[in-house]
C-alpha atoms as a PDB file:
ATOM      1  CA  MET A   1     -74.431-103.614  33.477  1.00  0.00           C
ATOM      2  CA  LYS A   2     -75.922-105.514  30.480  1.00  0.00           C
ATOM      3  CA  THR A   3     -73.401-108.372  31.341  1.00  0.00           C
ATOM      4  CA  VAL A   4     -74.940-108.566  34.301  1.00  0.00           C
ATOM      5  CA  ILE A   5     -78.387-108.692  33.005  1.00  0.00           C
ATOM      6  CA  LEU A   6     -77.480-111.246  30.538  1.00  0.00           C
ATOM      7  CA  ALA A   7     -75.814-113.719  32.913  1.00  0.00           C
ATOM      8  CA  ALA A   8     -78.908-113.570  35.304  1.00  0.00           C
ATOM      9  CA  ILE A   9     -81.265-113.991  32.342  1.00  0.00           C
ATOM     10  CA  LEU A  10     -79.158-117.073  31.526  1.00  0.00           C
ATOM     11  CA  ALA A  11     -79.353-118.382  35.193  1.00  0.00           C
ATOM     12  CA  VAL A  12     -82.867-118.218  35.098  1.00  0.00           C
ATOM     13  CA  PHE A  13     -82.805-120.318  31.849  1.00  0.00           C
ATOM     14  CA  SER A  14     -80.743-122.318  33.241  1.00  0.00           C
ATOM     15  CA  THR A  15     -83.074-123.451  35.462  1.00  0.00           C
ATOM     16  CA  CYS A  16     -85.993-123.479  33.493  1.00  0.00           C
ATOM     17  CA  ALA A  17     -84.995-125.346  30.732  1.00  0.00           C
ATOM     18  CA  HIS A  18     -87.906-127.317  30.426  1.00  0.00           C
ATOM     19  CA  ALA A  19     -90.669-124.407  30.257  1.00  0.00           C
ATOM     20  CA  SER A  20     -94.188-125.567  29.831  1.00  0.00           C
ATOM     21  CA  ASN A  21     -95.384-122.458  28.513  1.00  0.00           C
ATOM     22  CA  CYS A  22     -94.520-122.911  24.593  1.00  0.00           C
ATOM     23  CA  ALA A  23     -96.374-122.065  21.667  1.00  0.00           C
ATOM     24  CA  PRO A  24     -95.573-120.399  17.954  1.00  0.00           C
ATOM     25  CA  ARG A  25     -93.540-117.600  18.464  1.00  0.00           C
ATOM     26  CA  ASP A  26     -95.829-115.450  16.245  1.00  0.00           C
ATOM     27  CA  MET A  27     -98.814-115.949  18.579  1.00  0.00           C
ATOM     28  CA  VAL A  28     -96.319-115.197  21.756  1.00  0.00           C
ATOM     29  CA  ILE A  29     -95.575-112.229  20.563  1.00  0.00           C
ATOM     30  CA  SER A  30     -98.803-111.127  19.973  1.00  0.00           C
ATOM     31  CA  ARG A  31    -100.030-111.765  23.291  1.00  0.00           C
ATOM     32  CA  LEU A  32     -97.252-109.778  24.593  1.00  0.00           C
ATOM     33  CA  THR A  33     -97.877-107.004  22.515  1.00  0.00           C
ATOM     34  CA  GLU A  34    -102.043-106.811  22.232  1.00  0.00           C
ATOM     35  CA  LYS A  35    -102.002-108.030  26.010  1.00  0.00           C
ATOM     36  CA  TYR A  36     -99.214-106.403  27.745  1.00  0.00           C
ATOM     37  CA  GLY A  37     -98.361-103.867  25.532  1.00  0.00           C
ATOM     38  CA  GLU A  38     -94.692-105.144  25.526  1.00  0.00           C
ATOM     39  CA  SER A  39     -92.044-104.739  23.102  1.00  0.00           C
ATOM     40  CA  GLN A  40     -88.848-106.553  22.159  1.00  0.00           C
ATOM     41  CA  GLN A  41     -85.852-104.596  24.081  1.00  0.00           C
ATOM     42  CA  ILE A  42     -83.077-107.154  24.303  1.00  0.00           C
ATOM     43  CA  ILE A  43     -81.785-110.043  22.073  1.00  0.00           C
ATOM     44  CA  GLY A  44     -79.362-112.764  21.849  1.00  0.00           C
ATOM     45  CA  LEU A  45     -78.058-116.400  20.780  1.00  0.00           C
ATOM     46  CA  THR A  46     -77.406-118.476  23.684  1.00  0.00           C
ATOM     47  CA  SER A  47     -74.556-120.936  23.877  1.00  0.00           C
ATOM     48  CA  ASP A  48     -76.908-124.009  21.803  1.00  0.00           C
ATOM     49  CA  GLN A  49     -78.031-121.192  19.682  1.00  0.00           C
ATOM     50  CA  ARG A  50     -81.310-120.616  20.630  1.00  0.00           C
ATOM     51  CA  LEU A  51     -82.907-117.199  20.851  1.00  0.00           C
ATOM     52  CA  LEU A  52     -83.107-115.175  23.662  1.00  0.00           C
ATOM     53  CA  GLU A  53     -85.213-112.232  23.514  1.00  0.00           C
ATOM     54  CA  VAL A  54     -86.623-109.853  26.355  1.00  0.00           C
ATOM     55  CA  PHE A  55     -89.835-108.430  25.757  1.00  0.00           C
ATOM     56  CA  GLY A  56     -90.716-105.424  28.353  1.00  0.00           C
ATOM     57  CA  SER A  57     -93.262-102.232  28.806  1.00  0.00           C
ATOM     58  CA  ALA A  58     -92.333 -99.107  30.342  1.00  0.00           C
ATOM     59  CA  GLU A  59     -96.337 -98.428  30.292  1.00  0.00           C
ATOM     60  CA  THR A  60     -97.369-101.566  32.034  1.00  0.00           C
ATOM     61  CA  GLY A  61     -94.403-102.041  33.875  1.00  0.00           C
ATOM     62  CA  THR A  62     -94.116-105.749  32.921  1.00  0.00           C
ATOM     63  CA  TRP A  63     -91.457-107.638  31.105  1.00  0.00           C
ATOM     64  CA  THR A  64     -91.182-111.551  30.055  1.00  0.00           C
ATOM     65  CA  ILE A  65     -88.239-113.433  28.810  1.00  0.00           C
ATOM     66  CA  LEU A  66     -88.682-116.042  25.946  1.00  0.00           C
ATOM     67  CA  ILE A  67     -86.364-118.668  24.212  1.00  0.00           C
ATOM     68  CA  THR A  68     -87.070-119.714  20.671  1.00  0.00           C
ATOM     69  CA  GLY A  69     -85.893-122.975  19.549  1.00  0.00           C
ATOM     70  CA  PRO A  70     -85.021-123.646  15.771  1.00  0.00           C
ATOM     71  CA  ARG A  71     -88.552-124.597  14.874  1.00  0.00           C
ATOM     72  CA  ALA A  72     -90.035-121.032  15.940  1.00  0.00           C
ATOM     73  CA  GLU A  73     -91.461-122.221  18.910  1.00  0.00           C
ATOM     74  CA  SER A  74     -91.254-119.484  21.954  1.00  0.00           C
ATOM     75  CA  CYS A  75     -91.084-120.723  25.523  1.00  0.00           C
ATOM     76  CA  VAL A  76     -91.812-118.360  28.457  1.00  0.00           C
ATOM     77  CA  VAL A  77     -89.084-118.670  30.929  1.00  0.00           C
ATOM     78  CA  SER A  78     -89.943-116.118  33.346  1.00  0.00           C
ATOM     79  CA  VAL A  79     -91.946-112.765  33.705  1.00  0.00           C
ATOM     80  CA  GLY A  80     -92.186-109.972  36.137  1.00  0.00           C
ATOM     81  CA  ARG A  81     -93.100-106.193  37.000  1.00  0.00           C
ATOM     82  CA  GLU A  82     -91.447-103.033  37.492  1.00  0.00           C
ATOM     83  CA  PHE A  83     -89.893-103.175  34.066  1.00  0.00           C
ATOM     84  CA  GLN A  84     -87.313-100.269  33.449  1.00  0.00           C
ATOM     85  CA  ASN A  85     -85.245 -99.498  29.994  1.00  0.00           C
ATOM     86  CA  ILE A  86     -81.944 -98.202  31.273  1.00  0.00           C
ATOM     87  CA  GLN A  87     -79.279 -97.449  28.760  1.00  0.00           C
ATOM     88  CA  ASP A  88     -76.015 -97.253  30.567  1.00  0.00           C
ATOM     89  CA  ALA A  89     -73.383 -95.753  28.415  1.00  0.00           C
ATOM     90  CA  LEU A  90     -70.028 -97.103  27.673  1.00  0.00           C
ATOM     91  CA  PRO A  91     -67.252 -95.492  29.339  1.00  0.00           C
ATOM     92  CA  PRO A  92     -64.567 -93.674  27.060  1.00  0.00           C
ATOM     93  CA  GLU A  93     -61.853 -95.641  26.005  1.00  0.00           C
ATOM     94  CA  GLY A  94     -58.766 -95.978  28.006  1.00  0.00           C
ATOM     95  CA  ASP A  95     -61.234 -95.194  31.328  1.00  0.00           C
ATOM     96  CA  PRO A  96     -60.681 -98.006  33.682  1.00  0.00           C
ATOM     97  CA  ALA A  97     -64.543 -97.512  35.150  1.00  0.00           C
END
């Protein structure tokens, strides 16, 4: 499930690689926290060594995908509603599921 989510995120990123909604990372995160109640939910590195983060809030239902470059400038790649944090358990070792 998480692989599918990350693949979808990377697909969105590839179509929005030149996002214009960029600002210093600390400013973006402050706004997400204060205005939308969002917190970091997923983190990873892209193939070109940029930081990919998904912020979300179960209370407000909003989510935001950020990409941050080496100069700590974050760009909002996508936003949405109906955020849900689903924790799929891994199948036991040897289970083909």
